[in-house]
Protein backbone atom coordinates (compact mmCIF):
# COMPACT_ATOMS: atom_id res chain seq x y z
CA UNK A 1 7.30 7.68 37.43
CA UNK A 2 4.83 5.02 38.21
CA UNK A 3 5.86 1.48 37.43
CA UNK A 4 3.44 -0.91 35.85
CA UNK A 5 2.84 -4.08 37.72
CA UNK A 6 1.58 -7.01 35.71
CA UNK A 7 0.16 -7.38 32.26
CA UNK A 8 -2.54 -5.46 30.48
CA UNK A 9 -5.00 -7.82 28.90
CA UNK A 10 -7.01 -6.65 25.93
CA UNK A 11 -9.22 -8.17 23.30
CA UNK A 12 -7.76 -6.04 20.52
CA UNK A 13 -6.26 -7.76 17.49
CA UNK A 14 -4.66 -6.99 14.15
CA UNK A 15 -7.33 -7.54 11.48
CA UNK A 16 -6.23 -9.70 8.58
CA UNK A 17 -7.62 -7.32 5.91
CA UNK A 18 -5.42 -4.52 7.22
CA UNK A 19 -2.35 -6.77 7.06
CA UNK A 20 -3.35 -7.73 3.52
CA UNK A 21 -3.72 -4.05 2.58
CA UNK A 22 -0.19 -3.38 3.83
CA UNK A 23 1.14 -6.25 1.74
CA UNK A 24 -0.78 -5.10 -1.34
CA UNK A 25 0.47 -1.54 -0.89
CA UNK A 26 4.07 -2.68 -0.56
CA UNK A 27 3.83 -4.96 -3.61
CA UNK A 28 2.23 -2.29 -5.77
CA UNK A 29 4.69 0.40 -4.69
CA UNK A 30 7.71 -1.85 -5.25
CA UNK A 31 6.48 -3.00 -8.65
CA UNK A 32 5.88 0.58 -9.77
CA UNK A 33 9.31 1.69 -8.59
CA UNK A 34 10.88 -1.33 -10.30
CA UNK A 35 9.12 -0.54 -13.57
CA UNK A 36 10.23 3.10 -13.39
CA UNK A 37 13.82 2.10 -12.71
CA UNK A 38 13.84 -0.47 -15.52
CA UNK A 39 12.35 1.97 -18.03
CA UNK A 40 14.94 4.58 -17.00
CA UNK A 41 17.72 2.08 -17.65
CA UNK A 42 16.22 1.29 -21.07
CA UNK A 43 16.40 4.94 -22.08
CA UNK A 44 12.69 5.69 -21.73
CA UNK A 45 11.51 2.90 -24.01
CA UNK A 46 8.61 1.40 -22.08
CA UNK A 47 7.44 -2.04 -23.24
CA UNK A 48 3.79 -3.02 -22.97
CA UNK A 49 4.47 -5.40 -20.10
CA UNK A 50 5.50 -2.43 -17.93
CA UNK A 51 2.19 -0.75 -18.67
CA UNK A 52 0.32 -3.94 -17.78
CA UNK A 53 2.31 -4.19 -14.54
CA UNK A 54 1.49 -0.58 -13.74
CA UNK A 55 -2.21 -1.16 -14.32
CA UNK A 56 -2.12 -4.24 -12.12
CA UNK A 57 -0.26 -2.27 -9.43
CA UNK A 58 -2.97 0.40 -9.56
CA UNK A 59 -5.66 -2.25 -9.07
CA UNK A 60 -3.71 -3.75 -6.14
CA UNK A 61 -3.33 -0.32 -4.56
CA UNK A 62 -7.02 0.49 -4.97
CA UNK A 63 -8.12 -2.81 -3.42
CA UNK A 64 -5.60 -2.38 -0.62
CA UNK A 65 -6.82 1.14 0.07
CA UNK A 66 -10.42 -0.04 0.29
CA UNK A 67 -9.43 -2.85 2.67
CA UNK A 68 -7.43 -0.49 4.87
CA UNK A 69 -10.18 2.09 5.08
CA UNK A 70 -12.76 -0.57 5.91
CA UNK A 71 -10.68 -1.94 8.78
CA UNK A 72 -9.89 1.51 10.20
CA UNK A 73 -13.60 1.92 10.94
CA UNK A 74 -13.72 -1.19 13.13
CA UNK A 75 -13.52 -0.85 16.89
CA UNK A 76 -11.31 -2.85 19.27
CA UNK A 77 -8.56 -3.34 16.71
CA UNK A 78 -5.03 -2.12 16.45
CA UNK A 79 -4.60 0.53 13.78
CA UNK A 80 -0.93 0.06 12.87
CA UNK A 81 -1.40 -2.03 9.74
CA UNK A 82 -4.50 -0.10 8.71
CA UNK A 83 -2.65 3.21 8.74
CA UNK A 84 0.45 1.70 7.14
CA UNK A 85 -1.67 0.10 4.40
CA UNK A 86 -3.47 3.39 3.77
CA UNK A 87 -0.19 5.27 3.43
CA UNK A 88 1.46 2.68 1.14
CA UNK A 89 -1.59 2.30 -1.09
CA UNK A 90 -2.09 6.05 -1.21
CA UNK A 91 1.52 6.55 -2.29
CA UNK A 92 1.16 3.88 -4.97
CA UNK A 93 -2.03 5.45 -6.32
CA UNK A 94 -0.40 8.89 -6.26
CA UNK A 95 2.56 7.49 -8.21
CA UNK A 96 0.20 5.90 -10.77
CA UNK A 97 -1.65 9.18 -11.20
CA UNK A 98 1.61 11.09 -11.48
CA UNK A 99 2.88 8.71 -14.18
CA UNK A 100 -0.32 9.19 -16.15
CA UNK A 101 -0.11 12.95 -15.76
CA UNK A 102 3.47 13.30 -17.05
CA UNK A 103 3.35 14.51 -20.65
CA UNK A 104 5.10 12.36 -23.21
């Protein structure tokens, strides 16, 4: 194997919108999972504040998904947080859609 000698300098960076999309995706996914767990412990009785939290989580996930997709199109950037934000926000939106699809 060939050994690397020295450093590799690059002008790539982690874009701040992609980091923000990862944070928004994590917050929305955790809040949805917390609301599901709390409603399960209450025996299926879902208060209105859980519905408001779910709607807010859906908005966070949608904004985060748009931010992540916009930063994935940029060149000379690292893609780690963009892909992670896309996956987390996509999971949160899928969970919101699944919760709306479940019959009562």
